[in-house]
C-alpha cells in the first residue's frame, strides 16, 4: 500500500442510507461500513489517510463530524470535498488539487472507492493505485491494475 490513502466517504467508509436527506452529520442515524474501523486502524499505522468526497453540501468539518459519530475520525488526517477544493469528482482537476495539497506524486497515493466513474477511473488515469470496493463483480471490464475488494477488511491482508 502507498504512504497516502484516499477513501471515498459514502458507501465506502460510511453507509449512504436511502431516503436520508441533508448532511450526513445531521442524519438521525449513521453507520460505518463493515470492517471500516479495523481497516483504518491497521492502515493508519503505516499511511496517512484522507477522505476524498463527492459530497456537495458537506464541509470537511461536516465530514469529520459524521466520521466522529462512528469512531472513524481519529484515523483520518484530512478531508477533501467540493467545499474546500471548489471542484467535484470525477473531474481529474479535483484529484490534481488533492495531490498538490498533499505534495504527493500520484504513484504515492492509493484511492479506495465504490464508484468506477467517480473514484477509480479518474485516479487510475492519473497514475494512482486504485481499489474498487464492490459488492460483486463489476458489469464492465476493468483496466489492468485496478484491485477489487468485497470488504474493507481485505485491505488489511
N, C-alpha and C. Protein backbone atom coordinates (compact mmCIF):
# COMPACT_ATOMS: atom_id res chain seq x y z
N UNK A 1 0.86 -1.18 0.00
CA UNK A 1 0.00 0.00 0.00
C UNK A 1 0.90 1.24 0.00
N UNK A 2 0.41 2.31 -0.54
CA UNK A 2 1.17 3.55 -0.66
C UNK A 2 1.19 4.31 0.67
N UNK A 3 2.06 5.31 0.80
CA UNK A 3 2.11 6.08 2.06
C UNK A 3 0.93 7.01 2.29
N UNK A 4 0.14 7.26 1.24
CA UNK A 4 -1.06 8.09 1.35
C UNK A 4 -2.23 7.31 0.76
N UNK A 5 -3.33 7.26 1.51
CA UNK A 5 -4.52 6.55 1.02
C UNK A 5 -5.72 7.47 1.11
N UNK A 6 -6.42 7.63 -0.02
CA UNK A 6 -7.66 8.39 -0.08
C UNK A 6 -8.83 7.42 -0.04
N UNK A 7 -9.84 7.76 0.74
CA UNK A 7 -11.06 6.96 0.80
C UNK A 7 -12.23 7.82 0.37
N UNK A 8 -13.08 7.25 -0.49
CA UNK A 8 -14.37 7.86 -0.72
C UNK A 8 -15.13 7.78 0.60
N UNK A 9 -16.13 8.60 0.75
CA UNK A 9 -16.87 8.66 2.02
C UNK A 9 -18.12 7.81 1.98
N UNK A 10 -19.11 8.19 1.17
CA UNK A 10 -20.39 7.49 1.13
C UNK A 10 -20.31 6.13 0.47
N UNK A 11 -20.76 5.12 1.17
CA UNK A 11 -20.77 3.72 0.75
C UNK A 11 -19.37 3.14 0.58
N UNK A 12 -18.37 3.84 1.11
CA UNK A 12 -17.02 3.28 1.21
C UNK A 12 -16.63 3.23 2.68
N UNK A 13 -16.60 4.39 3.36
CA UNK A 13 -16.34 4.40 4.80
C UNK A 13 -17.63 4.39 5.62
N UNK A 14 -18.64 5.11 5.13
CA UNK A 14 -19.92 5.19 5.84
C UNK A 14 -21.06 4.89 4.87
N UNK A 15 -22.07 4.23 5.37
CA UNK A 15 -23.20 3.84 4.53
C UNK A 15 -24.07 5.04 4.19
N UNK A 16 -24.35 5.18 2.88
CA UNK A 16 -25.35 6.15 2.43
C UNK A 16 -26.71 5.51 2.67
N UNK A 17 -27.48 6.06 3.58
CA UNK A 17 -28.76 5.48 3.94
C UNK A 17 -29.82 6.00 2.98
N UNK A 18 -30.48 5.09 2.24
CA UNK A 18 -31.50 5.53 1.29
C UNK A 18 -32.60 6.34 1.99
N UNK A 19 -32.96 7.45 1.37
CA UNK A 19 -34.02 8.29 1.91
C UNK A 19 -33.54 9.35 2.90
N UNK A 20 -32.31 9.23 3.38
CA UNK A 20 -31.78 10.24 4.31
C UNK A 20 -31.52 11.52 3.52
N UNK A 21 -31.90 12.66 4.11
CA UNK A 21 -31.72 13.94 3.42
C UNK A 21 -30.83 14.86 4.24
N UNK A 22 -30.24 15.81 3.56
CA UNK A 22 -29.36 16.77 4.23
C UNK A 22 -27.96 16.20 4.43
N UNK A 23 -27.21 16.87 5.27
CA UNK A 23 -25.83 16.47 5.54
C UNK A 23 -25.80 15.22 6.42
N UNK A 24 -24.91 14.31 6.11
CA UNK A 24 -24.81 13.06 6.86
C UNK A 24 -24.57 13.30 8.34
N UNK A 25 -23.83 14.34 8.68
CA UNK A 25 -23.54 14.61 10.09
C UNK A 25 -24.81 14.94 10.88
N UNK A 26 -25.88 15.32 10.17
CA UNK A 26 -27.15 15.67 10.82
C UNK A 26 -28.19 14.55 10.76
N UNK A 27 -27.88 13.45 10.10
CA UNK A 27 -28.84 12.36 10.00
C UNK A 27 -29.12 11.78 11.39
N UNK A 28 -30.35 11.34 11.65
CA UNK A 28 -30.66 10.74 12.95
C UNK A 28 -29.79 9.51 13.26
N UNK A 29 -29.50 8.73 12.23
CA UNK A 29 -28.66 7.55 12.40
C UNK A 29 -27.59 7.52 11.32
N UNK A 30 -26.40 7.12 11.70
CA UNK A 30 -25.31 6.93 10.75
C UNK A 30 -24.68 5.57 11.03
N UNK A 31 -23.99 5.04 10.02
CA UNK A 31 -23.43 3.70 10.14
C UNK A 31 -22.12 3.61 9.38
N UNK A 32 -21.11 3.05 10.03
CA UNK A 32 -19.85 2.78 9.34
C UNK A 32 -20.03 1.54 8.47
N UNK A 33 -19.29 1.48 7.40
CA UNK A 33 -19.31 0.29 6.55
C UNK A 33 -18.61 -0.85 7.29
N UNK A 34 -19.01 -2.08 7.02
CA UNK A 34 -18.38 -3.22 7.69
C UNK A 34 -16.87 -3.23 7.49
N UNK A 35 -16.15 -3.42 8.57
CA UNK A 35 -14.69 -3.50 8.52
C UNK A 35 -13.98 -2.17 8.47
N UNK A 36 -14.70 -1.06 8.44
CA UNK A 36 -14.06 0.25 8.29
C UNK A 36 -13.12 0.56 9.46
N UNK A 37 -13.57 0.37 10.67
CA UNK A 37 -12.74 0.71 11.84
C UNK A 37 -11.46 -0.13 11.87
N UNK A 38 -11.60 -1.42 11.65
CA UNK A 38 -10.43 -2.31 11.66
C UNK A 38 -9.46 -1.95 10.54
N UNK A 39 -10.01 -1.67 9.38
CA UNK A 39 -9.19 -1.31 8.22
C UNK A 39 -8.41 -0.03 8.47
N UNK A 40 -9.10 1.02 8.91
CA UNK A 40 -8.44 2.30 9.14
C UNK A 40 -7.42 2.21 10.27
N UNK A 41 -7.74 1.47 11.32
CA UNK A 41 -6.79 1.28 12.42
C UNK A 41 -5.50 0.64 11.89
N UNK A 42 -5.64 -0.39 11.12
CA UNK A 42 -4.50 -1.11 10.57
C UNK A 42 -3.68 -0.21 9.62
N UNK A 43 -4.35 0.42 8.66
CA UNK A 43 -3.65 1.21 7.65
C UNK A 43 -3.04 2.49 8.22
N UNK A 44 -3.65 3.05 9.26
CA UNK A 44 -3.15 4.30 9.83
C UNK A 44 -1.79 4.12 10.50
N UNK A 45 -1.38 2.91 10.73
CA UNK A 45 -0.06 2.66 11.34
C UNK A 45 1.09 2.91 10.37
N UNK A 46 0.80 2.84 9.06
CA UNK A 46 1.87 3.00 8.07
C UNK A 46 1.56 4.01 6.97
N UNK A 47 0.36 4.59 7.00
CA UNK A 47 -0.02 5.53 5.94
C UNK A 47 -0.82 6.69 6.51
N UNK A 48 -0.83 7.80 5.76
CA UNK A 48 -1.71 8.92 6.09
C UNK A 48 -3.01 8.70 5.35
N UNK A 49 -4.13 8.80 6.06
CA UNK A 49 -5.43 8.51 5.50
C UNK A 49 -6.26 9.78 5.36
N UNK A 50 -6.92 9.92 4.21
CA UNK A 50 -7.74 11.09 3.91
C UNK A 50 -9.07 10.65 3.31
N UNK A 51 -10.05 11.52 3.40
CA UNK A 51 -11.32 11.33 2.71
C UNK A 51 -11.32 12.23 1.49
N UNK A 52 -11.73 11.67 0.35
CA UNK A 52 -11.93 12.43 -0.88
C UNK A 52 -13.39 12.22 -1.27
N UNK A 53 -14.23 13.19 -0.94
CA UNK A 53 -15.67 13.03 -1.07
C UNK A 53 -16.25 13.84 -2.23
N UNK A 54 -17.28 13.28 -2.81
CA UNK A 54 -18.02 14.00 -3.84
C UNK A 54 -19.21 14.77 -3.29
N UNK A 55 -19.36 14.77 -1.97
CA UNK A 55 -20.48 15.49 -1.35
C UNK A 55 -20.42 16.97 -1.70
N UNK A 56 -21.55 17.52 -2.09
CA UNK A 56 -21.59 18.92 -2.48
C UNK A 56 -21.87 19.85 -1.31
N UNK A 57 -22.74 19.44 -0.40
CA UNK A 57 -23.15 20.32 0.71
C UNK A 57 -22.21 20.24 1.91
N UNK A 58 -21.68 19.07 2.20
CA UNK A 58 -20.90 18.88 3.42
C UNK A 58 -19.52 19.53 3.32
N UNK A 59 -19.14 20.21 4.39
CA UNK A 59 -17.78 20.75 4.50
C UNK A 59 -16.87 19.67 5.06
N UNK A 60 -15.58 19.94 5.07
CA UNK A 60 -14.63 19.00 5.66
C UNK A 60 -14.98 18.76 7.13
N UNK A 61 -15.41 19.80 7.83
CA UNK A 61 -15.80 19.65 9.24
C UNK A 61 -17.06 18.79 9.37
N UNK A 62 -18.02 18.95 8.48
CA UNK A 62 -19.22 18.11 8.49
C UNK A 62 -18.85 16.64 8.29
N UNK A 63 -17.93 16.38 7.38
CA UNK A 63 -17.49 15.00 7.13
C UNK A 63 -16.83 14.45 8.38
N UNK A 64 -15.98 15.26 8.99
CA UNK A 64 -15.30 14.82 10.22
C UNK A 64 -16.31 14.54 11.34
N UNK A 65 -17.34 15.37 11.45
CA UNK A 65 -18.36 15.16 12.49
C UNK A 65 -19.12 13.85 12.26
N UNK A 66 -19.43 13.54 11.00
CA UNK A 66 -20.10 12.27 10.69
C UNK A 66 -19.18 11.10 11.02
N UNK A 67 -17.92 11.21 10.64
CA UNK A 67 -16.95 10.15 10.95
C UNK A 67 -16.80 9.97 12.46
N UNK A 68 -16.84 11.07 13.19
CA UNK A 68 -16.72 11.03 14.65
C UNK A 68 -17.86 10.23 15.28
N UNK A 69 -19.04 10.34 14.71
CA UNK A 69 -20.21 9.64 15.26
C UNK A 69 -20.04 8.13 15.23
N UNK A 70 -19.18 7.62 14.34
CA UNK A 70 -18.95 6.18 14.27
C UNK A 70 -17.52 5.81 14.65
N UNK A 71 -16.77 6.77 15.22
CA UNK A 71 -15.43 6.49 15.74
C UNK A 71 -14.34 6.39 14.69
N UNK A 72 -14.57 6.88 13.48
CA UNK A 72 -13.56 6.79 12.43
C UNK A 72 -12.70 8.03 12.29
N UNK A 73 -13.12 9.14 12.86
CA UNK A 73 -12.41 10.41 12.68
C UNK A 73 -10.97 10.37 13.17
N UNK A 74 -10.68 9.60 14.18
CA UNK A 74 -9.32 9.58 14.75
C UNK A 74 -8.27 9.04 13.78
N UNK A 75 -8.71 8.34 12.74
CA UNK A 75 -7.78 7.77 11.78
C UNK A 75 -7.54 8.68 10.57
N UNK A 76 -8.38 9.66 10.39
CA UNK A 76 -8.37 10.49 9.18
C UNK A 76 -7.57 11.77 9.40
N UNK A 77 -6.59 12.00 8.54
CA UNK A 77 -5.74 13.18 8.63
C UNK A 77 -6.43 14.42 8.10
N UNK A 78 -7.25 14.26 7.07
CA UNK A 78 -7.94 15.40 6.48
C UNK A 78 -9.01 14.97 5.49
N UNK A 79 -9.81 15.94 5.05
CA UNK A 79 -10.92 15.66 4.14
C UNK A 79 -10.89 16.63 2.97
N UNK A 80 -11.11 16.11 1.78
CA UNK A 80 -11.22 16.91 0.57
C UNK A 80 -12.63 16.77 0.02
N UNK A 81 -13.24 17.90 -0.33
CA UNK A 81 -14.60 17.91 -0.84
C UNK A 81 -14.79 19.16 -1.70
N UNK A 82 -15.96 19.28 -2.28
CA UNK A 82 -16.25 20.44 -3.12
C UNK A 82 -16.08 21.75 -2.33
N UNK A 83 -16.50 21.73 -1.07
CA UNK A 83 -16.47 22.96 -0.27
C UNK A 83 -15.06 23.51 -0.04
N UNK A 84 -14.04 22.65 -0.03
CA UNK A 84 -12.69 23.17 0.20
C UNK A 84 -11.77 23.09 -1.03
N UNK A 85 -12.27 22.51 -2.12
CA UNK A 85 -11.47 22.48 -3.35
C UNK A 85 -12.10 23.31 -4.46
N UNK A 86 -13.42 23.50 -4.39
CA UNK A 86 -14.13 24.18 -5.47
C UNK A 86 -14.29 23.30 -6.70
N UNK A 87 -13.96 22.04 -6.55
CA UNK A 87 -14.01 21.08 -7.66
C UNK A 87 -14.81 19.86 -7.25
N UNK A 88 -15.31 19.14 -8.25
CA UNK A 88 -16.12 17.96 -7.98
C UNK A 88 -15.51 16.71 -8.60
N UNK A 89 -15.77 15.58 -7.97
CA UNK A 89 -15.46 14.29 -8.57
C UNK A 89 -16.47 14.05 -9.68
N UNK A 90 -16.13 13.47 -10.78
CA UNK A 90 -14.88 12.78 -11.14
C UNK A 90 -13.88 13.65 -11.90
N UNK A 91 -14.03 14.96 -11.85
CA UNK A 91 -13.12 15.86 -12.56
C UNK A 91 -11.68 15.56 -12.14
N UNK A 92 -10.81 15.23 -13.09
CA UNK A 92 -9.41 14.97 -12.74
C UNK A 92 -8.76 16.14 -12.00
N UNK A 93 -9.26 17.37 -12.23
CA UNK A 93 -8.71 18.54 -11.53
C UNK A 93 -8.92 18.43 -10.02
N UNK A 94 -10.03 17.81 -9.61
CA UNK A 94 -10.26 17.58 -8.18
C UNK A 94 -9.10 16.78 -7.60
N UNK A 95 -8.76 15.68 -8.27
CA UNK A 95 -7.69 14.81 -7.77
C UNK A 95 -6.32 15.46 -7.92
N UNK A 96 -6.13 16.26 -8.96
CA UNK A 96 -4.86 17.00 -9.08
C UNK A 96 -4.71 18.00 -7.94
N UNK A 97 -5.81 18.66 -7.55
CA UNK A 97 -5.78 19.60 -6.43
C UNK A 97 -5.44 18.86 -5.13
N UNK A 98 -5.99 17.67 -4.96
CA UNK A 98 -5.68 16.87 -3.77
C UNK A 98 -4.19 16.54 -3.75
N UNK A 99 -3.66 16.07 -4.87
CA UNK A 99 -2.24 15.74 -4.94
C UNK A 99 -1.37 16.95 -4.64
N UNK A 100 -1.74 18.10 -5.18
CA UNK A 100 -0.97 19.33 -4.94
C UNK A 100 -0.98 19.69 -3.46
N UNK A 101 -2.15 19.61 -2.83
CA UNK A 101 -2.26 19.93 -1.40
C UNK A 101 -1.43 18.96 -0.56
N UNK A 102 -1.44 17.69 -0.95
CA UNK A 102 -0.70 16.67 -0.21
C UNK A 102 0.80 16.70 -0.51
N UNK A 103 1.19 17.46 -1.54
CA UNK A 103 2.56 17.48 -2.03
C UNK A 103 3.02 16.04 -2.27
N UNK A 104 2.20 15.32 -3.05
CA UNK A 104 2.46 13.91 -3.32
C UNK A 104 2.38 13.64 -4.81
N UNK A 105 3.17 12.69 -5.24
CA UNK A 105 3.08 12.19 -6.61
C UNK A 105 1.93 11.19 -6.68
N UNK A 106 1.31 11.06 -7.83
CA UNK A 106 0.21 10.11 -7.98
C UNK A 106 0.62 8.70 -7.59
N UNK A 107 1.84 8.32 -7.89
CA UNK A 107 2.32 6.97 -7.58
C UNK A 107 2.43 6.70 -6.07
N UNK A 108 2.38 7.76 -5.27
CA UNK A 108 2.47 7.62 -3.81
C UNK A 108 1.09 7.53 -3.14
N UNK A 109 0.03 7.52 -3.96
CA UNK A 109 -1.34 7.61 -3.43
C UNK A 109 -2.19 6.45 -3.95
N UNK A 110 -3.00 5.91 -3.06
CA UNK A 110 -4.00 4.90 -3.41
C UNK A 110 -5.37 5.50 -3.18
N UNK A 111 -6.29 5.28 -4.12
CA UNK A 111 -7.68 5.70 -3.97
C UNK A 111 -8.53 4.46 -3.77
N UNK A 112 -9.35 4.47 -2.70
CA UNK A 112 -10.28 3.38 -2.41
C UNK A 112 -11.69 3.96 -2.51
N UNK A 113 -12.51 3.37 -3.37
CA UNK A 113 -13.86 3.87 -3.53
C UNK A 113 -14.79 2.84 -4.12
N UNK A 114 -16.08 3.17 -4.10
CA UNK A 114 -17.09 2.24 -4.60
C UNK A 114 -17.61 2.61 -5.99
N UNK A 115 -17.14 3.68 -6.56
CA UNK A 115 -17.62 4.13 -7.87
C UNK A 115 -16.49 4.11 -8.90
N UNK A 116 -16.68 3.29 -9.93
CA UNK A 116 -15.71 3.30 -11.02
C UNK A 116 -15.59 4.68 -11.63
N UNK A 117 -16.73 5.30 -11.93
CA UNK A 117 -16.76 6.59 -12.62
C UNK A 117 -16.16 7.71 -11.77
N UNK A 118 -16.54 7.80 -10.52
CA UNK A 118 -16.14 8.94 -9.68
C UNK A 118 -14.83 8.76 -8.94
N UNK A 119 -14.52 7.54 -8.57
CA UNK A 119 -13.34 7.29 -7.72
C UNK A 119 -12.19 6.62 -8.47
N UNK A 120 -12.49 5.56 -9.16
CA UNK A 120 -11.44 4.67 -9.66
C UNK A 120 -10.85 5.13 -11.00
N UNK A 121 -11.68 5.32 -12.00
CA UNK A 121 -11.15 5.62 -13.33
C UNK A 121 -10.36 6.93 -13.40
N UNK A 122 -10.84 8.04 -12.78
CA UNK A 122 -10.02 9.26 -12.87
C UNK A 122 -8.68 9.13 -12.13
N UNK A 123 -8.67 8.42 -11.02
CA UNK A 123 -7.43 8.26 -10.27
C UNK A 123 -6.47 7.32 -10.99
N UNK A 124 -7.01 6.26 -11.55
CA UNK A 124 -6.20 5.31 -12.32
C UNK A 124 -5.53 6.04 -13.49
N UNK A 125 -6.29 6.91 -14.17
CA UNK A 125 -5.76 7.66 -15.32
C UNK A 125 -4.63 8.60 -14.91
N UNK A 126 -4.66 9.08 -13.66
CA UNK A 126 -3.60 9.97 -13.17
C UNK A 126 -2.38 9.21 -12.67
N UNK A 127 -2.48 7.89 -12.57
CA UNK A 127 -1.34 7.08 -12.12
C UNK A 127 -1.38 6.67 -10.67
N UNK A 128 -2.50 6.88 -10.00
CA UNK A 128 -2.65 6.40 -8.62
C UNK A 128 -2.95 4.91 -8.62
N UNK A 129 -2.62 4.26 -7.52
CA UNK A 129 -3.11 2.90 -7.32
C UNK A 129 -4.59 3.01 -7.00
N UNK A 130 -5.38 2.05 -7.41
CA UNK A 130 -6.82 2.13 -7.20
C UNK A 130 -7.36 0.81 -6.67
N UNK A 131 -8.35 0.94 -5.77
CA UNK A 131 -9.01 -0.21 -5.17
C UNK A 131 -10.51 0.04 -5.23
N UNK A 132 -11.22 -0.83 -5.93
CA UNK A 132 -12.67 -0.73 -6.06
C UNK A 132 -13.33 -1.60 -5.01
N UNK A 133 -14.15 -0.98 -4.17
CA UNK A 133 -14.96 -1.70 -3.19
C UNK A 133 -16.27 -2.06 -3.88
N UNK A 134 -16.46 -3.33 -4.16
CA UNK A 134 -17.62 -3.76 -4.95
C UNK A 134 -18.31 -4.93 -4.26
N UNK A 135 -19.63 -4.88 -4.21
CA UNK A 135 -20.41 -5.97 -3.62
C UNK A 135 -20.31 -7.24 -4.47
N UNK A 136 -20.08 -7.06 -5.75
CA UNK A 136 -19.94 -8.18 -6.67
C UNK A 136 -19.07 -7.77 -7.82
N UNK A 137 -18.90 -8.65 -8.79
CA UNK A 137 -18.05 -8.27 -9.93
C UNK A 137 -18.67 -7.12 -10.72
N UNK A 138 -17.86 -6.17 -11.15
CA UNK A 138 -18.38 -5.06 -11.94
C UNK A 138 -18.96 -5.56 -13.26
N UNK A 139 -19.92 -4.81 -13.78
CA UNK A 139 -20.60 -5.20 -15.01
C UNK A 139 -19.79 -4.89 -16.26
N UNK A 140 -18.72 -4.12 -16.10
CA UNK A 140 -17.87 -3.81 -17.26
C UNK A 140 -16.46 -4.30 -16.98
N UNK A 141 -15.71 -4.51 -18.02
CA UNK A 141 -14.33 -4.93 -17.86
C UNK A 141 -13.51 -3.82 -17.21
N UNK A 142 -12.52 -4.22 -16.44
CA UNK A 142 -11.67 -3.25 -15.75
C UNK A 142 -10.30 -3.15 -16.41
N UNK A 143 -9.67 -2.04 -16.22
CA UNK A 143 -8.31 -1.87 -16.69
C UNK A 143 -7.37 -2.69 -15.82
N UNK A 144 -6.27 -3.07 -16.39
CA UNK A 144 -5.25 -3.79 -15.63
C UNK A 144 -4.76 -2.88 -14.50
N UNK A 145 -4.58 -3.45 -13.34
CA UNK A 145 -4.04 -2.70 -12.22
C UNK A 145 -5.07 -2.17 -11.24
N UNK A 146 -6.34 -2.38 -11.50
CA UNK A 146 -7.37 -1.98 -10.53
C UNK A 146 -7.69 -3.18 -9.66
N UNK A 147 -7.44 -3.03 -8.37
CA UNK A 147 -7.74 -4.10 -7.42
C UNK A 147 -9.22 -4.03 -7.04
N UNK A 148 -9.84 -5.19 -6.88
CA UNK A 148 -11.24 -5.25 -6.47
C UNK A 148 -11.33 -5.98 -5.13
N UNK A 149 -12.05 -5.37 -4.19
CA UNK A 149 -12.29 -5.99 -2.89
C UNK A 149 -13.79 -6.00 -2.61
N UNK A 150 -14.21 -6.93 -1.77
CA UNK A 150 -15.63 -7.00 -1.39
C UNK A 150 -15.87 -6.39 -0.02
N UNK A 151 -14.81 -6.20 0.75
CA UNK A 151 -14.90 -5.65 2.10
C UNK A 151 -13.62 -4.88 2.41
N UNK A 152 -13.76 -3.81 3.17
CA UNK A 152 -12.58 -3.02 3.54
C UNK A 152 -11.56 -3.83 4.31
N UNK A 153 -12.00 -4.84 5.03
CA UNK A 153 -11.08 -5.66 5.82
C UNK A 153 -10.03 -6.34 4.93
N UNK A 154 -10.35 -6.52 3.65
CA UNK A 154 -9.39 -7.13 2.72
C UNK A 154 -8.14 -6.27 2.55
N UNK A 155 -8.23 -4.99 2.85
CA UNK A 155 -7.06 -4.10 2.75
C UNK A 155 -6.05 -4.39 3.86
N UNK A 156 -6.44 -5.14 4.86
CA UNK A 156 -5.54 -5.48 5.96
C UNK A 156 -4.70 -6.71 5.64
N UNK A 157 -4.92 -7.32 4.50
CA UNK A 157 -4.18 -8.54 4.14
C UNK A 157 -3.06 -8.23 3.19
